[in-house]
PDB file of N, CA and C in Angstrom:
ATOM      1  N   MET A   1       7.910  11.205  11.458  1.00  0.00           N
ATOM      2  CA  MET A   1       6.714  10.395  11.605  1.00  0.00           C
ATOM      3  C   MET A   1       6.657   9.363  10.482  1.00  0.00           C
ATOM      4  N   ALA A   2       6.166   8.189  10.807  1.00  0.00           N
ATOM      5  CA  ALA A   2       6.104   7.108   9.834  1.00  0.00           C
ATOM      6  C   ALA A   2       4.667   6.662   9.632  1.00  0.00           C
ATOM      7  N   LEU A   3       4.418   6.139   8.464  1.00  0.00           N
ATOM      8  CA  LEU A   3       3.125   5.574   8.101  1.00  0.00           C
ATOM      9  C   LEU A   3       3.166   4.080   8.401  1.00  0.00           C
ATOM     10  N   HIS A   4       2.179   3.575   9.138  1.00  0.00           N
ATOM     11  CA  HIS A   4       2.115   2.130   9.363  1.00  0.00           C
ATOM     12  C   HIS A   4       1.405   1.503   8.166  1.00  0.00           C
ATOM     13  N   PHE A   5       2.055   0.507   7.540  1.00  0.00           N
ATOM     14  CA  PHE A   5       1.566  -0.126   6.317  1.00  0.00           C
ATOM     15  C   PHE A   5       1.424  -1.619   6.536  1.00  0.00           C
ATOM     16  N   GLU A   6       0.257  -2.146   6.149  1.00  0.00           N
ATOM     17  CA  GLU A   6       0.042  -3.590   6.184  1.00  0.00           C
ATOM     18  C   GLU A   6      -0.495  -4.040   4.836  1.00  0.00           C
ATOM     19  N   LEU A   7       0.063  -5.145   4.334  1.00  0.00           N
ATOM     20  CA  LEU A   7      -0.386  -5.776   3.100  1.00  0.00           C
ATOM     21  C   LEU A   7      -0.835  -7.182   3.437  1.00  0.00           C
ATOM     22  N   VAL A   8      -2.102  -7.481   3.125  1.00  0.00           N
ATOM     23  CA  VAL A   8      -2.700  -8.764   3.488  1.00  0.00           C
ATOM     24  C   VAL A   8      -3.298  -9.412   2.241  1.00  0.00           C
ATOM     25  N   THR A   9      -3.050 -10.724   2.085  1.00  0.00           N
ATOM     26  CA  THR A   9      -3.701 -11.511   1.042  1.00  0.00           C
ATOM     27  C   THR A   9      -4.579 -12.549   1.741  1.00  0.00           C
ATOM     28  N   PRO A  10      -5.414 -13.274   1.011  1.00  0.00           N
ATOM     29  CA  PRO A  10      -6.226 -14.302   1.664  1.00  0.00           C
ATOM     30  C   PRO A  10      -5.384 -15.363   2.381  1.00  0.00           C
ATOM     31  N   GLU A  11      -4.144 -15.563   1.943  1.00  0.00           N
ATOM     32  CA  GLU A  11      -3.300 -16.598   2.535  1.00  0.00           C
ATOM     33  C   GLU A  11      -2.546 -16.144   3.780  1.00  0.00           C
ATOM     34  N   LYS A  12      -2.107 -14.852   3.802  1.00  0.00           N
ATOM     35  CA  LYS A  12      -1.239 -14.434   4.908  1.00  0.00           C
ATOM     36  C   LYS A  12      -1.064 -12.924   4.979  1.00  0.00           C
ATOM     37  N   LEU A  13      -0.456 -12.497   6.071  1.00  0.00           N
ATOM     38  CA  LEU A  13       0.003 -11.125   6.225  1.00  0.00           C
ATOM     39  C   LEU A  13       1.350 -11.043   5.520  1.00  0.00           C
ATOM     40  N   VAL A  14       1.424 -10.293   4.435  1.00  0.00           N
ATOM     41  CA  VAL A  14       2.634 -10.228   3.619  1.00  0.00           C
ATOM     42  C   VAL A  14       3.645  -9.248   4.211  1.00  0.00           C
ATOM     43  N   ARG A  15       3.182  -8.068   4.631  1.00  0.00           N
ATOM     44  CA  ARG A  15       4.070  -7.056   5.215  1.00  0.00           C
ATOM     45  C   ARG A  15       3.326  -6.305   6.301  1.00  0.00           C
ATOM     46  N   SER A  16       4.060  -5.914   7.330  1.00  0.00           N
ATOM     47  CA  SER A  16       3.558  -5.040   8.384  1.00  0.00           C
ATOM     48  C   SER A  16       4.758  -4.256   8.873  1.00  0.00           C
ATOM     49  N   GLU A  17       4.804  -2.968   8.505  1.00  0.00           N
ATOM     50  CA  GLU A  17       5.985  -2.170   8.803  1.00  0.00           C
ATOM     51  C   GLU A  17       5.658  -0.688   8.780  1.00  0.00           C
ATOM     52  N   ASP A  18       6.552   0.101   9.370  1.00  0.00           N
ATOM     53  CA  ASP A  18       6.457   1.547   9.298  1.00  0.00           C
ATOM     54  C   ASP A  18       7.308   2.022   8.137  1.00  0.00           C
ATOM     55  N   VAL A  19       6.722   2.844   7.259  1.00  0.00           N
ATOM     56  CA  VAL A  19       7.386   3.309   6.048  1.00  0.00           C
ATOM     57  C   VAL A  19       7.183   4.819   5.911  1.00  0.00           C
ATOM     58  N   TYR A  20       7.859   5.399   4.946  1.00  0.00           N
ATOM     59  CA  TYR A  20       7.700   6.828   4.662  1.00  0.00           C
ATOM     60  C   TYR A  20       6.462   7.070   3.804  1.00  0.00           C
ATOM     61  N   MET A  21       6.331   6.287   2.699  1.00  0.00           N
ATOM     62  CA  MET A  21       5.231   6.490   1.758  1.00  0.00           C
ATOM     63  C   MET A  21       4.965   5.204   0.995  1.00  0.00           C
ATOM     64  N   VAL A  22       3.710   5.034   0.562  1.00  0.00           N
ATOM     65  CA  VAL A  22       3.327   3.924  -0.305  1.00  0.00           C
ATOM     66  C   VAL A  22       2.537   4.509  -1.473  1.00  0.00           C
ATOM     67  N   VAL A  23       2.881   4.090  -2.696  1.00  0.00           N
ATOM     68  CA  VAL A  23       2.123   4.484  -3.884  1.00  0.00           C
ATOM     69  C   VAL A  23       1.284   3.284  -4.301  1.00  0.00           C
ATOM     70  N   VAL A  24      -0.026   3.490  -4.336  1.00  0.00           N
ATOM     71  CA  VAL A  24      -0.999   2.425  -4.555  1.00  0.00           C
ATOM     72  C   VAL A  24      -1.610   2.556  -5.950  1.00  0.00           C
ATOM     73  N   PRO A  25      -1.741   1.441  -6.704  1.00  0.00           N
ATOM     74  CA  PRO A  25      -2.367   1.504  -8.026  1.00  0.00           C
ATOM     75  C   PRO A  25      -3.901   1.454  -7.928  1.00  0.00           C
ATOM     76  N   GLY A  26      -4.518   2.607  -7.767  1.00  0.00           N
ATOM     77  CA  GLY A  26      -5.971   2.677  -7.658  1.00  0.00           C
ATOM     78  C   GLY A  26      -6.645   2.597  -9.014  1.00  0.00           C
ATOM     79  N   THR A  27      -7.919   2.237  -9.033  1.00  0.00           N
ATOM     80  CA  THR A  27      -8.652   2.140 -10.298  1.00  0.00           C
ATOM     81  C   THR A  27      -8.819   3.503 -10.963  1.00  0.00           C
ATOM     82  N   GLU A  28      -8.764   4.578 -10.174  1.00  0.00           N
ATOM     83  CA  GLU A  28      -8.892   5.915 -10.728  1.00  0.00           C
ATOM     84  C   GLU A  28      -7.543   6.604 -10.859  1.00  0.00           C
ATOM     85  N   GLY A  29      -6.465   5.830 -10.756  1.00  0.00           N
ATOM     86  CA  GLY A  29      -5.110   6.358 -10.879  1.00  0.00           C
ATOM     87  C   GLY A  29      -4.298   6.036  -9.649  1.00  0.00           C
ATOM     88  N   ASP A  30      -2.981   6.078  -9.800  1.00  0.00           N
ATOM     89  CA  ASP A  30      -2.090   5.816  -8.677  1.00  0.00           C
ATOM     90  C   ASP A  30      -2.202   6.946  -7.659  1.00  0.00           C
ATOM     91  N   PHE A  31      -2.067   6.597  -6.369  1.00  0.00           N
ATOM     92  CA  PHE A  31      -2.092   7.636  -5.334  1.00  0.00           C
ATOM     93  C   PHE A  31      -1.081   7.308  -4.254  1.00  0.00           C
ATOM     94  N   GLY A  32      -0.443   8.344  -3.752  1.00  0.00           N
ATOM     95  CA  GLY A  32       0.551   8.192  -2.701  1.00  0.00           C
ATOM     96  C   GLY A  32      -0.064   8.431  -1.343  1.00  0.00           C
ATOM     97  N   VAL A  33       0.373   7.652  -0.366  1.00  0.00           N
ATOM     98  CA  VAL A  33      -0.130   7.775   0.997  1.00  0.00           C
ATOM     99  C   VAL A  33       1.048   8.049   1.931  1.00  0.00           C
ATOM    100  N   LEU A  34       0.961   9.157   2.656  1.00  0.00           N
ATOM    101  CA  LEU A  34       1.933   9.543   3.675  1.00  0.00           C
ATOM    102  C   LEU A  34       1.236   9.550   5.033  1.00  0.00           C
ATOM    103  N   GLN A  35       2.014   9.604   6.101  1.00  0.00           N
ATOM    104  CA  GLN A  35       1.447   9.756   7.451  1.00  0.00           C
ATOM    105  C   GLN A  35       0.534  10.975   7.465  1.00  0.00           C
ATOM    106  N   GLY A  36      -0.639  10.861   8.072  1.00  0.00           N
ATOM    107  CA  GLY A  36      -1.575  11.979   8.167  1.00  0.00           C
ATOM    108  C   GLY A  36      -2.507  12.111   6.976  1.00  0.00           C
ATOM    109  N   HIS A  37      -2.472  11.164   6.041  1.00  0.00           N
ATOM    110  CA  HIS A  37      -3.359  11.202   4.874  1.00  0.00           C
ATOM    111  C   HIS A  37      -4.808  11.162   5.335  1.00  0.00           C
ATOM    112  N   ALA A  38      -5.683  11.832   4.601  1.00  0.00           N
ATOM    113  CA  ALA A  38      -7.115  11.816   4.912  1.00  0.00           C
ATOM    114  C   ALA A  38      -7.661  10.398   4.785  1.00  0.00           C
ATOM    115  N   PRO A  39      -8.629  10.028   5.618  1.00  0.00           N
ATOM    116  CA  PRO A  39      -9.229   8.694   5.513  1.00  0.00           C
ATOM    117  C   PRO A  39      -9.851   8.483   4.124  1.00  0.00           C
ATOM    118  N   VAL A  40      -9.630   7.315   3.573  1.00  0.00           N
ATOM    119  CA  VAL A  40     -10.168   6.991   2.247  1.00  0.00           C
ATOM    120  C   VAL A  40     -10.202   5.473   2.074  1.00  0.00           C
ATOM    121  N   MET A  41     -11.154   5.024   1.264  1.00  0.00           N
ATOM    122  CA  MET A  41     -11.183   3.625   0.826  1.00  0.00           C
ATOM    123  C   MET A  41     -11.145   3.664  -0.694  1.00  0.00           C
ATOM    124  N   ALA A  42     -10.368   2.744  -1.301  1.00  0.00           N
ATOM    125  CA  ALA A  42     -10.226   2.741  -2.749  1.00  0.00           C
ATOM    126  C   ALA A  42     -10.124   1.312  -3.260  1.00  0.00           C
ATOM    127  N   VAL A  43     -10.575   1.130  -4.491  1.00  0.00           N
ATOM    128  CA  VAL A  43     -10.429  -0.149  -5.177  1.00  0.00           C
ATOM    129  C   VAL A  43      -9.071  -0.129  -5.875  1.00  0.00           C
ATOM    130  N   ILE A  44      -8.354  -1.257  -5.787  1.00  0.00           N
ATOM    131  CA  ILE A  44      -7.033  -1.374  -6.403  1.00  0.00           C
ATOM    132  C   ILE A  44      -7.159  -2.141  -7.709  1.00  0.00           C
ATOM    133  N   ARG A  45      -6.498  -1.635  -8.743  1.00  0.00           N
ATOM    134  CA  ARG A  45      -6.433  -2.331 -10.024  1.00  0.00           C
ATOM    135  C   ARG A  45      -5.164  -3.184 -10.049  1.00  0.00           C
ATOM    136  N   PRO A  46      -5.078  -4.151 -10.937  1.00  0.00           N
ATOM    137  CA  PRO A  46      -3.818  -4.881 -11.074  1.00  0.00           C
ATOM    138  C   PRO A  46      -2.702  -3.896 -11.438  1.00  0.00           C
ATOM    139  N   GLY A  47      -1.602  -3.971 -10.734  1.00  0.00           N
ATOM    140  CA  GLY A  47      -0.496  -3.054 -10.971  1.00  0.00           C
ATOM    141  C   GLY A  47       0.553  -3.188  -9.895  1.00  0.00           C
ATOM    142  N   GLU A  48       1.456  -2.215  -9.857  1.00  0.00           N
ATOM    143  CA  GLU A  48       2.588  -2.263  -8.935  1.00  0.00           C
ATOM    144  C   GLU A  48       2.411  -1.292  -7.773  1.00  0.00           C
ATOM    145  N   LEU A  49       2.521  -1.802  -6.570  1.00  0.00           N
ATOM    146  CA  LEU A  49       2.525  -1.003  -5.355  1.00  0.00           C
ATOM    147  C   LEU A  49       3.997  -0.737  -5.018  1.00  0.00           C
ATOM    148  N   THR A  50       4.327   0.517  -4.697  1.00  0.00           N
ATOM    149  CA  THR A  50       5.714   0.888  -4.420  1.00  0.00           C
ATOM    150  C   THR A  50       5.830   1.398  -2.991  1.00  0.00           C
ATOM    151  N   VAL A  51       6.812   0.877  -2.247  1.00  0.00           N
ATOM    152  CA  VAL A  51       7.042   1.247  -0.855  1.00  0.00           C
ATOM    153  C   VAL A  51       8.333   2.060  -0.772  1.00  0.00           C
ATOM    154  N   TYR A  52       8.279   3.208  -0.081  1.00  0.00           N
ATOM    155  CA  TYR A  52       9.439   4.088   0.091  1.00  0.00           C
ATOM    156  C   TYR A  52       9.832   4.159   1.566  1.00  0.00           C
ATOM    157  N   SER A  53      11.143   4.081   1.834  1.00  0.00           N
ATOM    158  CA  SER A  53      11.631   4.238   3.208  1.00  0.00           C
ATOM    159  C   SER A  53      11.914   5.698   3.524  1.00  0.00           C
ATOM    160  N   ASN A  54      12.143   6.512   2.481  1.00  0.00           N
ATOM    161  CA  ASN A  54      12.276   7.971   2.612  1.00  0.00           C
ATOM    162  C   ASN A  54      11.797   8.569   1.299  1.00  0.00           C
ATOM    163  N   ALA A  55      12.009   9.864   1.099  1.00  0.00           N
ATOM    164  CA  ALA A  55      11.444  10.533  -0.069  1.00  0.00           C
ATOM    165  C   ALA A  55      11.965  10.009  -1.404  1.00  0.00           C
ATOM    166  N   THR A  56      13.127   9.365  -1.419  1.00  0.00           N
ATOM    167  CA  THR A  56      13.712   8.933  -2.689  1.00  0.00           C
ATOM    168  C   THR A  56      14.068   7.451  -2.768  1.00  0.00           C
ATOM    169  N   THR A  57      14.031   6.722  -1.663  1.00  0.00           N
ATOM    170  CA  THR A  57      14.496   5.341  -1.644  1.00  0.00           C
ATOM    171  C   THR A  57      13.336   4.345  -1.693  1.00  0.00           C
ATOM    172  N   VAL A  58      13.276   3.580  -2.791  1.00  0.00           N
ATOM    173  CA  VAL A  58      12.269   2.535  -2.938  1.00  0.00           C
ATOM    174  C   VAL A  58      12.779   1.279  -2.241  1.00  0.00           C
ATOM    175  N   THR A  59      11.994   0.739  -1.309  1.00  0.00           N
ATOM    176  CA  THR A  59      12.411  -0.473  -0.601  1.00  0.00           C
ATOM    177  C   THR A  59      11.697  -1.722  -1.103  1.00  0.00           C
ATOM    178  N   ALA A  60      10.574  -1.554  -1.816  1.00  0.00           N
ATOM    179  CA  ALA A  60       9.874  -2.720  -2.350  1.00  0.00           C
ATOM    180  C   ALA A  60       8.959  -2.313  -3.495  1.00  0.00           C
ATOM    181  N   ARG A  61       8.883  -3.200  -4.471  1.00  0.00           N
ATOM    182  CA  ARG A  61       7.912  -3.097  -5.567  1.00  0.00           C
ATOM    183  C   ARG A  61       7.129  -4.402  -5.538  1.00  0.00           C
ATOM    184  N   ILE A  62       5.808  -4.272  -5.400  1.00  0.00           N
ATOM    185  CA  ILE A  62       4.977  -5.459  -5.205  1.00  0.00           C
ATOM    186  C   ILE A  62       3.866  -5.460  -6.254  1.00  0.00           C
ATOM    187  N   ALA A  63       3.798  -6.527  -7.037  1.00  0.00           N
ATOM    188  CA  ALA A  63       2.745  -6.671  -8.042  1.00  0.00           C
ATOM    189  C   ALA A  63       1.472  -7.145  -7.360  1.00  0.00           C
ATOM    190  N   LEU A  64       0.386  -6.424  -7.605  1.00  0.00           N
ATOM    191  CA  LEU A  64      -0.915  -6.765  -7.027  1.00  0.00           C
ATOM    192  C   LEU A  64      -1.876  -7.145  -8.142  1.00  0.00           C
ATOM    193  N   ASP A  65      -2.794  -8.057  -7.838  1.00  0.00           N
ATOM    194  CA  ASP A  65      -3.815  -8.460  -8.803  1.00  0.00           C
ATOM    195  C   ASP A  65      -5.165  -7.814  -8.524  1.00  0.00           C
ATOM    196  N   GLY A  66      -5.178  -6.777  -7.720  1.00  0.00           N
ATOM    197  CA  GLY A  66      -6.423  -6.099  -7.389  1.00  0.00           C
ATOM    198  C   GLY A  66      -6.740  -6.266  -5.921  1.00  0.00           C
ATOM    199  N   GLY A  67      -7.754  -5.529  -5.467  1.00  0.00           N
ATOM    200  CA  GLY A  67      -8.151  -5.599  -4.072  1.00  0.00           C
ATOM    201  C   GLY A  67      -8.687  -4.262  -3.595  1.00  0.00           C
ATOM    202  N   PHE A  68      -8.441  -3.965  -2.319  1.00  0.00           N
ATOM    203  CA  PHE A  68      -8.932  -2.739  -1.699  1.00  0.00           C
ATOM    204  C   PHE A  68      -7.849  -2.124  -0.830  1.00  0.00           C
ATOM    205  N   ALA A  69      -7.901  -0.803  -0.687  1.00  0.00           N
ATOM    206  CA  ALA A  69      -6.992  -0.091   0.207  1.00  0.00           C
ATOM    207  C   ALA A  69      -7.818   0.771   1.150  1.00  0.00           C
ATOM    208  N   GLU A  70      -7.413   0.787   2.413  1.00  0.00           N
ATOM    209  CA  GLU A  70      -8.074   1.644   3.405  1.00  0.00           C
ATOM    210  C   GLU A  70      -7.019   2.459   4.131  1.00  0.00           C
ATOM    211  N   VAL A  71      -7.229   3.775   4.141  1.00  0.00           N
ATOM    212  CA  VAL A  71      -6.378   4.674   4.916  1.00  0.00           C
ATOM    213  C   VAL A  71      -7.215   5.190   6.068  1.00  0.00           C
ATOM    214  N   ASN A  72      -6.704   5.048   7.292  1.00  0.00           N
ATOM    215  CA  ASN A  72      -7.386   5.595   8.463  1.00  0.00           C
ATOM    216  C   ASN A  72      -6.329   6.129   9.427  1.00  0.00           C
ATOM    217  N   GLU A  73      -6.737   6.482  10.640  1.00  0.00           N
ATOM    218  CA  GLU A  73      -5.789   7.072  11.593  1.00  0.00           C
ATOM    219  C   GLU A  73      -4.699   6.101  12.017  1.00  0.00           C
ATOM    220  N   GLN A  74      -4.906   4.790  11.837  1.00  0.00           N
ATOM    221  CA  GLN A  74      -3.876   3.807  12.177  1.00  0.00           C
ATOM    222  C   GLN A  74      -2.854   3.615  11.060  1.00  0.00           C
ATOM    223  N   GLY A  75      -3.174   4.012   9.822  1.00  0.00           N
ATOM    224  CA  GLY A  75      -2.253   3.859   8.710  1.00  0.00           C
ATOM    225  C   GLY A  75      -2.950   3.353   7.457  1.00  0.00           C
ATOM    226  N   LEU A  76      -2.203   2.619   6.637  1.00  0.00           N
ATOM    227  CA  LEU A  76      -2.697   2.089   5.367  1.00  0.00           C
ATOM    228  C   LEU A  76      -2.761   0.574   5.437  1.00  0.00           C
ATOM    229  N   THR A  77      -3.936   0.027   5.088  1.00  0.00           N
ATOM    230  CA  THR A  77      -4.090  -1.413   4.982  1.00  0.00           C
ATOM    231  C   THR A  77      -4.509  -1.731   3.563  1.00  0.00           C
ATOM    232  N   VAL A  78      -3.765  -2.632   2.917  1.00  0.00           N
ATOM    233  CA  VAL A  78      -4.091  -3.080   1.566  1.00  0.00           C
ATOM    234  C   VAL A  78      -4.515  -4.543   1.663  1.00  0.00           C
ATOM    235  N   LEU A  79      -5.729  -4.820   1.187  1.00  0.00           N
ATOM    236  CA  LEU A  79      -6.252  -6.188   1.118  1.00  0.00           C
ATOM    237  C   LEU A  79      -6.201  -6.580  -0.353  1.00  0.00           C
ATOM    238  N   ALA A  80      -5.219  -7.409  -0.702  1.00  0.00           N
ATOM    239  CA  ALA A  80      -4.971  -7.747  -2.099  1.00  0.00           C
ATOM    240  C   ALA A  80      -5.415  -9.172  -2.412  1.00  0.00           C
ATOM    241  N   GLU A  81      -5.885  -9.380  -3.634  1.00  0.00           N
ATOM    242  CA  GLU A  81      -6.241 -10.727  -4.076  1.00  0.00           C
ATOM    243  C   GLU A  81      -5.003 -11.610  -4.121  1.00  0.00           C
ATOM    244  N   SER A  82      -3.891 -11.050  -4.579  1.00  0.00           N
ATOM    245  CA  SER A  82      -2.587 -11.729  -4.516  1.00  0.00           C
ATOM    246  C   SER A  82      -1.507 -10.664  -4.602  1.00  0.00           C
ATOM    247  N   ALA A  83      -0.324 -11.003  -4.091  1.00  0.00           N
ATOM    248  CA  ALA A  83       0.811 -10.070  -4.080  1.00  0.00           C
ATOM    249  C   ALA A  83       2.086 -10.837  -4.375  1.00  0.00           C
ATOM    250  N   THR A  84       2.872 -10.288  -5.313  1.00  0.00           N
ATOM    251  CA  THR A  84       4.145 -10.891  -5.681  1.00  0.00           C
ATOM    252  C   THR A  84       5.233  -9.839  -5.512  1.00  0.00           C
ATOM    253  N   ILE A  85       6.183 -10.083  -4.616  1.00  0.00           N
ATOM    254  CA  ILE A  85       7.258  -9.128  -4.382  1.00  0.00           C
ATOM    255  C   ILE A  85       8.281  -9.271  -5.492  1.00  0.00           C
ATOM    256  N   ALA A  86       8.542  -8.156  -6.160  1.00  0.00           N
ATOM    257  CA  ALA A  86       9.490  -8.169  -7.296  1.00  0.00           C
ATOM    258  C   ALA A  86      10.921  -8.085  -6.837  1.00  0.00           C
TER     259      ALA A  86
END
């Protein structure tokens, strides 16, 4: 099973893909999101979002300047103020 992940900035849809896991830099600490995660909304602090294609393989590191993350039954949506792919 895969987690559907979308990263959106005010300018564009940056990513929309199925992934294994995403680690999000939340204001209360980093948190990992896998398929089936409980619904949650969180504020994102400036930091690095990490995308995994499997349990050990990092496919992207993306610098965020803050924003919001929502996990629901459709997957994870990150609304970022800006995103820079490293």
